[in-house]
Amino acid sequence: MTGRRKTSMLGKRIQFDDETWAALDLLARDRMMTFPELADEAFRDLLRKYNRPTGLREALRKSAGASADVVPFRRRTARGSKPESRKRRRSKLQKKRR
């Protein structure tokens, strides 16, 4: 291997009766989707139905619980400088008013 991380998709074989396969094939054609795309959508919906996370981000949010509020970082005002404090801004405004 050349140092790259090899990613692979898990594959399973499933069997459908002829009637079910025909219905799924027709649905895939009507929606202009491939069968794997149709299966991905179906399994994602199934996981949501039972309140199971469908991705890493959703799993992390769920594990953090209701207290997982997103707290934004304070933005820097200029390149490399720290944001001004409220006191400093207030004192500048007061000086301007005088």
N, C-alpha and C. Protein backbone atom coordinates (compact mmCIF):
# COMPACT_ATOMS: atom_id res chain seq x y z
N MET A 1 0.82 -1.18 0.00
CA MET A 1 0.00 0.00 0.00
C MET A 1 0.87 1.25 0.00
N THR A 2 0.38 2.33 -0.55
CA THR A 2 1.17 3.55 -0.70
C THR A 2 0.89 4.58 0.37
N GLY A 3 0.40 4.19 1.51
CA GLY A 3 0.14 5.15 2.58
C GLY A 3 -1.28 5.71 2.57
N ARG A 4 -1.99 5.51 1.50
CA ARG A 4 -3.38 5.97 1.45
C ARG A 4 -4.26 5.01 2.21
N ARG A 5 -5.27 5.56 2.78
CA ARG A 5 -6.21 4.73 3.52
C ARG A 5 -7.22 4.11 2.55
N LYS A 6 -7.31 2.81 2.57
CA LYS A 6 -8.20 2.12 1.66
C LYS A 6 -9.61 2.12 2.24
N THR A 7 -10.56 2.60 1.47
CA THR A 7 -11.95 2.58 1.91
C THR A 7 -12.69 1.53 1.12
N SER A 8 -13.53 0.81 1.79
CA SER A 8 -14.32 -0.21 1.11
C SER A 8 -15.75 -0.14 1.60
N MET A 9 -16.61 -0.54 0.75
CA MET A 9 -18.03 -0.56 1.10
C MET A 9 -18.42 -2.00 1.40
N LEU A 10 -19.19 -2.16 2.42
CA LEU A 10 -19.67 -3.48 2.79
C LEU A 10 -20.78 -3.88 1.82
N GLY A 11 -20.71 -5.06 1.32
CA GLY A 11 -21.73 -5.53 0.39
C GLY A 11 -22.37 -6.81 0.89
N LYS A 12 -23.67 -6.93 0.71
CA LYS A 12 -24.41 -8.13 1.09
C LYS A 12 -25.33 -8.50 -0.06
N ARG A 13 -25.51 -9.76 -0.22
CA ARG A 13 -26.46 -10.24 -1.23
C ARG A 13 -27.79 -10.49 -0.55
N ILE A 14 -28.84 -10.02 -1.20
CA ILE A 14 -30.19 -10.27 -0.69
C ILE A 14 -31.03 -10.84 -1.82
N GLN A 15 -32.06 -11.54 -1.45
CA GLN A 15 -32.93 -12.14 -2.45
C GLN A 15 -34.32 -11.56 -2.34
N PHE A 16 -34.93 -11.30 -3.50
CA PHE A 16 -36.30 -10.81 -3.58
C PHE A 16 -37.10 -11.79 -4.43
N ASP A 17 -38.36 -11.87 -4.15
CA ASP A 17 -39.21 -12.64 -5.06
C ASP A 17 -39.39 -11.81 -6.33
N ASP A 18 -39.83 -12.46 -7.41
CA ASP A 18 -39.91 -11.79 -8.72
C ASP A 18 -40.81 -10.56 -8.70
N GLU A 19 -41.92 -10.65 -7.99
CA GLU A 19 -42.89 -9.55 -7.94
C GLU A 19 -42.29 -8.32 -7.24
N THR A 20 -41.60 -8.54 -6.12
CA THR A 20 -40.98 -7.44 -5.38
C THR A 20 -39.86 -6.82 -6.20
N TRP A 21 -39.04 -7.65 -6.85
CA TRP A 21 -37.95 -7.14 -7.66
C TRP A 21 -38.49 -6.28 -8.81
N ALA A 22 -39.55 -6.73 -9.45
CA ALA A 22 -40.14 -5.97 -10.56
C ALA A 22 -40.63 -4.60 -10.06
N ALA A 23 -41.27 -4.58 -8.89
CA ALA A 23 -41.76 -3.32 -8.33
C ALA A 23 -40.60 -2.38 -7.98
N LEU A 24 -39.53 -2.92 -7.39
CA LEU A 24 -38.37 -2.09 -7.05
C LEU A 24 -37.65 -1.59 -8.29
N ASP A 25 -37.54 -2.44 -9.30
CA ASP A 25 -36.89 -2.05 -10.54
C ASP A 25 -37.68 -0.93 -11.22
N LEU A 26 -39.00 -1.05 -11.24
CA LEU A 26 -39.85 -0.03 -11.84
C LEU A 26 -39.72 1.30 -11.08
N LEU A 27 -39.69 1.23 -9.75
CA LEU A 27 -39.54 2.44 -8.93
C LEU A 27 -38.19 3.11 -9.20
N ALA A 28 -37.14 2.31 -9.30
CA ALA A 28 -35.82 2.86 -9.57
C ALA A 28 -35.78 3.54 -10.94
N ARG A 29 -36.41 2.94 -11.91
CA ARG A 29 -36.45 3.54 -13.26
C ARG A 29 -37.28 4.81 -13.26
N ASP A 30 -38.43 4.80 -12.58
CA ASP A 30 -39.28 5.99 -12.52
C ASP A 30 -38.57 7.16 -11.87
N ARG A 31 -37.78 6.88 -10.86
CA ARG A 31 -37.07 7.94 -10.13
C ARG A 31 -35.69 8.21 -10.69
N MET A 32 -35.33 7.48 -11.76
CA MET A 32 -34.02 7.59 -12.41
C MET A 32 -32.89 7.42 -11.38
N MET A 33 -32.98 6.34 -10.62
CA MET A 33 -31.99 5.99 -9.60
C MET A 33 -31.48 4.59 -9.88
N THR A 34 -30.32 4.31 -9.35
CA THR A 34 -29.82 2.94 -9.42
C THR A 34 -30.38 2.19 -8.21
N PHE A 35 -30.28 0.87 -8.25
CA PHE A 35 -30.78 0.10 -7.13
C PHE A 35 -30.03 0.41 -5.83
N PRO A 36 -28.68 0.55 -5.85
CA PRO A 36 -27.99 0.91 -4.60
C PRO A 36 -28.44 2.26 -4.03
N GLU A 37 -28.72 3.22 -4.89
CA GLU A 37 -29.23 4.53 -4.41
C GLU A 37 -30.59 4.37 -3.76
N LEU A 38 -31.43 3.56 -4.36
CA LEU A 38 -32.75 3.29 -3.80
C LEU A 38 -32.63 2.58 -2.45
N ALA A 39 -31.72 1.63 -2.35
CA ALA A 39 -31.51 0.90 -1.10
C ALA A 39 -30.95 1.82 -0.02
N ASP A 40 -30.00 2.71 -0.39
CA ASP A 40 -29.44 3.67 0.58
C ASP A 40 -30.54 4.54 1.18
N GLU A 41 -31.41 5.04 0.32
CA GLU A 41 -32.53 5.88 0.78
C GLU A 41 -33.45 5.10 1.71
N ALA A 42 -33.76 3.87 1.36
CA ALA A 42 -34.65 3.04 2.17
C ALA A 42 -34.05 2.74 3.54
N PHE A 43 -32.77 2.40 3.57
CA PHE A 43 -32.15 2.09 4.86
C PHE A 43 -31.97 3.34 5.73
N ARG A 44 -31.68 4.48 5.09
CA ARG A 44 -31.58 5.73 5.85
C ARG A 44 -32.93 6.08 6.49
N ASP A 45 -34.01 5.91 5.73
CA ASP A 45 -35.36 6.16 6.26
C ASP A 45 -35.69 5.20 7.39
N LEU A 46 -35.29 3.96 7.27
CA LEU A 46 -35.54 2.96 8.30
C LEU A 46 -34.81 3.32 9.60
N LEU A 47 -33.57 3.77 9.48
CA LEU A 47 -32.81 4.18 10.66
C LEU A 47 -33.45 5.39 11.33
N ARG A 48 -33.90 6.36 10.54
CA ARG A 48 -34.59 7.54 11.11
C ARG A 48 -35.87 7.14 11.83
N LYS A 49 -36.59 6.18 11.25
CA LYS A 49 -37.84 5.74 11.85
C LYS A 49 -37.62 5.24 13.28
N TYR A 50 -36.51 4.56 13.51
CA TYR A 50 -36.22 4.01 14.84
C TYR A 50 -35.22 4.87 15.62
N ASN A 51 -35.12 6.15 15.24
CA ASN A 51 -34.27 7.13 15.92
C ASN A 51 -32.82 6.66 16.08
N ARG A 52 -32.29 6.12 15.02
CA ARG A 52 -30.88 5.69 15.01
C ARG A 52 -30.10 6.68 14.15
N PRO A 53 -28.89 7.03 14.55
CA PRO A 53 -28.11 7.99 13.76
C PRO A 53 -27.70 7.40 12.42
N THR A 54 -27.70 8.25 11.38
CA THR A 54 -27.34 7.78 10.05
C THR A 54 -25.94 8.21 9.64
N GLY A 55 -25.31 9.05 10.44
CA GLY A 55 -23.96 9.50 10.13
C GLY A 55 -23.20 9.85 11.39
N LEU A 56 -21.93 10.13 11.25
CA LEU A 56 -21.08 10.43 12.39
C LEU A 56 -21.53 11.70 13.10
N ARG A 57 -21.81 12.75 12.35
CA ARG A 57 -22.21 14.03 12.96
C ARG A 57 -23.48 13.86 13.78
N GLU A 58 -24.45 13.16 13.22
CA GLU A 58 -25.71 12.92 13.92
C GLU A 58 -25.50 12.06 15.17
N ALA A 59 -24.61 11.07 15.07
CA ALA A 59 -24.31 10.22 16.22
C ALA A 59 -23.66 11.02 17.34
N LEU A 60 -22.75 11.92 17.00
CA LEU A 60 -22.10 12.76 18.01
C LEU A 60 -23.10 13.70 18.69
N ARG A 61 -23.98 14.29 17.90
CA ARG A 61 -25.00 15.17 18.49
C ARG A 61 -25.92 14.40 19.42
N LYS A 62 -26.30 13.20 19.00
CA LYS A 62 -27.19 12.40 19.82
C LYS A 62 -26.51 11.96 21.12
N SER A 63 -25.23 11.63 21.05
CA SER A 63 -24.51 11.19 22.24
C SER A 63 -24.28 12.35 23.21
N ALA A 64 -24.21 13.58 22.70
CA ALA A 64 -24.02 14.74 23.57
C ALA A 64 -25.30 15.10 24.32
N GLY A 65 -26.44 14.68 23.81
CA GLY A 65 -27.70 14.93 24.49
C GLY A 65 -28.27 16.30 24.19
N ALA A 66 -29.25 16.68 24.98
CA ALA A 66 -29.97 17.93 24.76
C ALA A 66 -29.12 19.15 25.08
N SER A 67 -28.07 18.98 25.86
CA SER A 67 -27.24 20.12 26.23
C SER A 67 -26.22 20.48 25.16
N ALA A 68 -26.34 19.91 24.00
CA ALA A 68 -25.36 20.12 22.95
C ALA A 68 -25.67 21.38 22.15
N ASP A 69 -25.61 22.54 22.81
CA ASP A 69 -25.81 23.79 22.10
C ASP A 69 -24.52 24.15 21.38
N VAL A 70 -24.68 24.69 20.19
CA VAL A 70 -23.52 25.11 19.43
C VAL A 70 -23.15 26.51 19.89
N VAL A 71 -21.95 26.65 20.38
CA VAL A 71 -21.48 27.95 20.86
C VAL A 71 -20.50 28.50 19.84
N PRO A 72 -20.85 29.61 19.18
CA PRO A 72 -19.94 30.14 18.16
C PRO A 72 -18.71 30.78 18.80
N PHE A 73 -17.59 30.66 18.10
CA PHE A 73 -16.36 31.30 18.55
C PHE A 73 -16.46 32.79 18.28
N ARG A 74 -15.79 33.58 19.10
CA ARG A 74 -15.73 35.02 18.85
C ARG A 74 -14.84 35.24 17.65
N ARG A 75 -15.27 36.08 16.75
CA ARG A 75 -14.48 36.35 15.55
C ARG A 75 -13.37 37.35 15.86
N ARG A 76 -12.29 37.17 15.18
CA ARG A 76 -11.18 38.12 15.31
C ARG A 76 -11.49 39.32 14.43
N THR A 77 -11.15 40.52 14.91
CA THR A 77 -11.49 41.74 14.18
C THR A 77 -10.55 41.98 13.01
N ALA A 78 -9.26 41.79 13.21
CA ALA A 78 -8.29 41.97 12.13
C ALA A 78 -7.36 40.77 12.15
N ARG A 79 -6.60 40.67 11.13
CA ARG A 79 -5.72 39.51 11.02
C ARG A 79 -4.76 39.44 12.21
N GLY A 80 -4.91 38.39 13.00
CA GLY A 80 -4.01 38.15 14.11
C GLY A 80 -4.34 38.91 15.39
N SER A 81 -5.27 39.85 15.35
CA SER A 81 -5.58 40.58 16.58
C SER A 81 -6.75 39.93 17.30
N LYS A 82 -6.82 40.17 18.57
CA LYS A 82 -7.90 39.60 19.38
C LYS A 82 -9.13 40.50 19.32
N PRO A 83 -10.32 39.96 19.50
CA PRO A 83 -11.52 40.79 19.49
C PRO A 83 -11.53 41.75 20.68
N GLU A 84 -12.12 42.90 20.45
CA GLU A 84 -12.19 43.90 21.51
C GLU A 84 -13.15 43.45 22.60
N SER A 85 -12.84 43.83 23.82
CA SER A 85 -13.75 43.53 24.91
C SER A 85 -14.87 44.56 24.93
N ARG A 86 -15.94 44.25 25.62
CA ARG A 86 -17.06 45.19 25.72
C ARG A 86 -16.64 46.48 26.42
N LYS A 87 -15.83 46.35 27.45
CA LYS A 87 -15.37 47.53 28.19
C LYS A 87 -14.61 48.47 27.27
N ARG A 88 -13.71 47.92 26.48
CA ARG A 88 -12.91 48.74 25.59
C ARG A 88 -13.79 49.44 24.55
N ARG A 89 -14.77 48.71 23.98
CA ARG A 89 -15.68 49.32 23.02
C ARG A 89 -16.50 50.42 23.66
N ARG A 90 -16.98 50.18 24.88
CA ARG A 90 -17.79 51.15 25.59
C ARG A 90 -16.98 52.43 25.87
N SER A 91 -15.74 52.24 26.30
CA SER A 91 -14.92 53.42 26.60
C SER A 91 -14.60 54.22 25.33
N LYS A 92 -14.42 53.55 24.20
CA LYS A 92 -14.20 54.27 22.94
C LYS A 92 -15.43 55.08 22.54
N LEU A 93 -16.62 54.47 22.73
CA LEU A 93 -17.85 55.20 22.41
C LEU A 93 -18.03 56.41 23.29
N GLN A 94 -17.73 56.28 24.56
CA GLN A 94 -17.86 57.40 25.50
C GLN A 94 -16.90 58.52 25.15
N LYS A 95 -15.69 58.20 24.74
CA LYS A 95 -14.72 59.21 24.34
C LYS A 95 -15.19 59.95 23.10
N LYS A 96 -15.80 59.25 22.16
CA LYS A 96 -16.29 59.89 20.95
C LYS A 96 -17.42 60.86 21.25
N ARG A 97 -18.25 60.54 22.21
CA ARG A 97 -19.40 61.38 22.57
C ARG A 97 -18.96 62.68 23.23
N ARG A 98 -17.83 62.70 23.86
CA ARG A 98 -17.36 63.89 24.59
C ARG A 98 -16.86 64.94 23.69
